């Protein structure tokens, strides 16, 4: 049975994928002046640009997704030996290793399923 944090990781991955579809990827900031977003910015985009048929604009479970970003600690999949909480790890993968948002989402999903 999947733990709550693993479920939350998969949800984060889905929000990254949804947000990534809204524009190009940027580096060094959550958003840029041309409408791009980094991987964490894509989470925000995915959460707040949900289709209207979902009802509420802000999901009830948003707080636990951010808990997941703080409580889950991961080793860098690129082999640089960093071990960070999920939020700074996502920024690290986006900015330092230039992984695409889709690659980061896939990594989150694989980690949650392992």
C-alpha atoms as a PDB file:
ATOM      1  CA  UNK A   1       0.000   0.000   0.000  1.00  0.00           C
ATOM      2  CA  UNK A   2       1.359   3.437  -0.936  1.00  0.00           C
ATOM      3  CA  UNK A   3       2.113   5.836   1.874  1.00  0.00           C
ATOM      4  CA  UNK A   4       0.452   9.240   2.006  1.00  0.00           C
ATOM      5  CA  UNK A   5       3.726  10.965   1.068  1.00  0.00           C
ATOM      6  CA  UNK A   6       4.166   8.680  -1.969  1.00  0.00           C
ATOM      7  CA  UNK A   7       0.646   9.560  -3.100  1.00  0.00           C
ATOM      8  CA  UNK A   8       1.450  13.242  -2.630  1.00  0.00           C
ATOM      9  CA  UNK A   9       4.633  12.861  -4.715  1.00  0.00           C
ATOM     10  CA  UNK A  10       2.586  11.424  -7.573  1.00  0.00           C
ATOM     11  CA  UNK A  11       0.140  14.339  -7.276  1.00  0.00           C
ATOM     12  CA  UNK A  12       3.035  16.819  -7.379  1.00  0.00           C
ATOM     13  CA  UNK A  13       4.277  15.128 -10.541  1.00  0.00           C
ATOM     14  CA  UNK A  14       0.844  15.530 -12.144  1.00  0.00           C
ATOM     15  CA  UNK A  15       0.736  19.232 -11.203  1.00  0.00           C
ATOM     16  CA  UNK A  16       4.208  19.724 -12.721  1.00  0.00           C
ATOM     17  CA  UNK A  17       3.056  18.055 -15.944  1.00  0.00           C
ATOM     18  CA  UNK A  18      -0.102  20.175 -16.060  1.00  0.00           C
ATOM     19  CA  UNK A  19       1.808  23.390 -15.379  1.00  0.00           C
ATOM     20  CA  UNK A  20       4.518  22.527 -17.891  1.00  0.00           C
ATOM     21  CA  UNK A  21       1.892  22.489 -20.626  1.00  0.00           C
ATOM     22  CA  UNK A  22       1.176  26.200 -20.043  1.00  0.00           C
ATOM     23  CA  UNK A  23       4.491  27.556 -21.320  1.00  0.00           C
ATOM     24  CA  UNK A  24       8.245  27.226 -21.660  1.00  0.00           C
ATOM     25  CA  UNK A  25      10.699  26.278 -18.910  1.00  0.00           C
ATOM     26  CA  UNK A  26      12.728  28.941 -17.126  1.00  0.00           C
ATOM     27  CA  UNK A  27      15.717  28.758 -14.804  1.00  0.00           C
ATOM     28  CA  UNK A  28      16.766  30.771 -11.748  1.00  0.00           C
ATOM     29  CA  UNK A  29      13.255  31.911 -10.796  1.00  0.00           C
ATOM     30  CA  UNK A  30       9.809  30.394 -10.398  1.00  0.00           C
ATOM     31  CA  UNK A  31       8.457  32.448 -13.341  1.00  0.00           C
ATOM     32  CA  UNK A  32       9.900  34.721 -15.994  1.00  0.00           C
ATOM     33  CA  UNK A  33       8.537  37.799 -17.757  1.00  0.00           C
ATOM     34  CA  UNK A  34       7.720  35.761 -20.883  1.00  0.00           C
ATOM     35  CA  UNK A  35       5.319  33.398 -19.105  1.00  0.00           C
ATOM     36  CA  UNK A  36       7.727  30.536 -18.414  1.00  0.00           C
ATOM     37  CA  UNK A  37       7.989  28.572 -15.186  1.00  0.00           C
ATOM     38  CA  UNK A  38      10.510  26.365 -13.447  1.00  0.00           C
ATOM     39  CA  UNK A  39       9.438  22.974 -12.076  1.00  0.00           C
ATOM     40  CA  UNK A  40       8.139  24.432  -8.780  1.00  0.00           C
ATOM     41  CA  UNK A  41       6.458  27.245 -10.680  1.00  0.00           C
ATOM     42  CA  UNK A  42       4.790  24.561 -12.787  1.00  0.00           C
ATOM     43  CA  UNK A  43       3.315  23.070  -9.589  1.00  0.00           C
ATOM     44  CA  UNK A  44       1.700  26.443  -8.912  1.00  0.00           C
ATOM     45  CA  UNK A  45       0.521  26.659 -12.525  1.00  0.00           C
ATOM     46  CA  UNK A  46      -0.900  23.153 -12.360  1.00  0.00           C
ATOM     47  CA  UNK A  47      -2.738  23.804  -9.097  1.00  0.00           C
ATOM     48  CA  UNK A  48      -4.211  27.191  -9.922  1.00  0.00           C
ATOM     49  CA  UNK A  49      -5.081  26.529 -13.570  1.00  0.00           C
ATOM     50  CA  UNK A  50      -7.249  23.488 -12.989  1.00  0.00           C
ATOM     51  CA  UNK A  51     -10.152  23.092 -15.399  1.00  0.00           C
ATOM     52  CA  UNK A  52     -13.304  24.838 -14.155  1.00  0.00           C
ATOM     53  CA  UNK A  53     -15.282  21.579 -14.107  1.00  0.00           C
ATOM     54  CA  UNK A  54     -13.235  20.561 -11.063  1.00  0.00           C
ATOM     55  CA  UNK A  55     -15.224  23.031  -8.958  1.00  0.00           C
ATOM     56  CA  UNK A  56     -13.011  24.786  -6.432  1.00  0.00           C
ATOM     57  CA  UNK A  57     -10.041  26.677  -7.807  1.00  0.00           C
ATOM     58  CA  UNK A  58      -7.800  25.718  -4.864  1.00  0.00           C
ATOM     59  CA  UNK A  59      -7.916  22.028  -3.916  1.00  0.00           C
ATOM     60  CA  UNK A  60      -8.491  21.117  -0.268  1.00  0.00           C
ATOM     61  CA  UNK A  61      -5.338  18.988  -0.200  1.00  0.00           C
ATOM     62  CA  UNK A  62      -2.933  21.786  -1.204  1.00  0.00           C
ATOM     63  CA  UNK A  63      -1.471  22.031   2.318  1.00  0.00           C
ATOM     64  CA  UNK A  64      -0.443  18.371   2.372  1.00  0.00           C
ATOM     65  CA  UNK A  65       1.262  18.707  -1.013  1.00  0.00           C
ATOM     66  CA  UNK A  66       3.461  21.409   0.456  1.00  0.00           C
ATOM     67  CA  UNK A  67       4.057  19.193   3.496  1.00  0.00           C
ATOM     68  CA  UNK A  68       5.388  16.615   1.050  1.00  0.00           C
ATOM     69  CA  UNK A  69       7.768  19.219  -0.420  1.00  0.00           C
ATOM     70  CA  UNK A  70       9.203  19.846   3.061  1.00  0.00           C
ATOM     71  CA  UNK A  71       9.184  16.372   4.626  1.00  0.00           C
ATOM     72  CA  UNK A  72      10.368  14.125   1.798  1.00  0.00           C
ATOM     73  CA  UNK A  73      14.172  14.056   1.446  1.00  0.00           C
ATOM     74  CA  UNK A  74      15.710  12.642  -1.736  1.00  0.00           C
ATOM     75  CA  UNK A  75      19.169  11.972  -3.125  1.00  0.00           C
ATOM     76  CA  UNK A  76      19.937  13.686  -6.435  1.00  0.00           C
ATOM     77  CA  UNK A  77      19.255  11.282  -9.314  1.00  0.00           C
ATOM     78  CA  UNK A  78      22.014  12.926 -11.372  1.00  0.00           C
ATOM     79  CA  UNK A  79      24.760  11.514  -9.141  1.00  0.00           C
ATOM     80  CA  UNK A  80      26.091  14.703  -7.556  1.00  0.00           C
ATOM     81  CA  UNK A  81      25.524  13.273  -4.036  1.00  0.00           C
ATOM     82  CA  UNK A  82      23.220  16.086  -2.853  1.00  0.00           C
ATOM     83  CA  UNK A  83      20.529  15.009  -0.423  1.00  0.00           C
ATOM     84  CA  UNK A  84      17.791  17.618  -0.042  1.00  0.00           C
ATOM     85  CA  UNK A  85      14.139  18.055   0.898  1.00  0.00           C
ATOM     86  CA  UNK A  86      11.924  17.703  -2.156  1.00  0.00           C
ATOM     87  CA  UNK A  87      11.305  21.435  -2.772  1.00  0.00           C
ATOM     88  CA  UNK A  88      14.990  22.437  -3.005  1.00  0.00           C
ATOM     89  CA  UNK A  89      15.754  19.174  -4.841  1.00  0.00           C
ATOM     90  CA  UNK A  90      13.224  20.079  -7.543  1.00  0.00           C
ATOM     91  CA  UNK A  91      14.824  23.531  -7.873  1.00  0.00           C
ATOM     92  CA  UNK A  92      18.293  21.900  -7.961  1.00  0.00           C
ATOM     93  CA  UNK A  93      17.263  19.501 -10.750  1.00  0.00           C
ATOM     94  CA  UNK A  94      15.649  22.333 -12.714  1.00  0.00           C
ATOM     95  CA  UNK A  95      18.395  24.947 -12.333  1.00  0.00           C
ATOM     96  CA  UNK A  96      21.627  23.003 -11.821  1.00  0.00           C
ATOM     97  CA  UNK A  97      21.045  19.904 -13.941  1.00  0.00           C
ATOM     98  CA  UNK A  98      18.631  21.541 -16.405  1.00  0.00           C
ATOM     99  CA  UNK A  99      16.271  18.577 -16.278  1.00  0.00           C
ATOM    100  CA  UNK A 100      12.991  19.304 -18.049  1.00  0.00           C
ATOM    101  CA  UNK A 101       9.863  19.676 -15.951  1.00  0.00           C
ATOM    102  CA  UNK A 102       8.555  16.494 -17.551  1.00  0.00           C
ATOM    103  CA  UNK A 103      11.739  14.611 -16.576  1.00  0.00           C
ATOM    104  CA  UNK A 104      11.393  15.869 -13.000  1.00  0.00           C
ATOM    105  CA  UNK A 105       7.748  14.785 -12.922  1.00  0.00           C
ATOM    106  CA  UNK A 106       8.706  11.341 -14.242  1.00  0.00           C
ATOM    107  CA  UNK A 107      11.450  11.037 -11.597  1.00  0.00           C
ATOM    108  CA  UNK A 108       8.938  11.968  -8.859  1.00  0.00           C
ATOM    109  CA  UNK A 109       6.508   9.345 -10.136  1.00  0.00           C
ATOM    110  CA  UNK A 110       9.193   6.641 -10.299  1.00  0.00           C
ATOM    111  CA  UNK A 111      10.419   7.511  -6.799  1.00  0.00           C
ATOM    112  CA  UNK A 112       6.889   7.334  -5.413  1.00  0.00           C
ATOM    113  CA  UNK A 113       6.313   3.958  -7.073  1.00  0.00           C
ATOM    114  CA  UNK A 114       9.565   2.360  -5.900  1.00  0.00           C
END
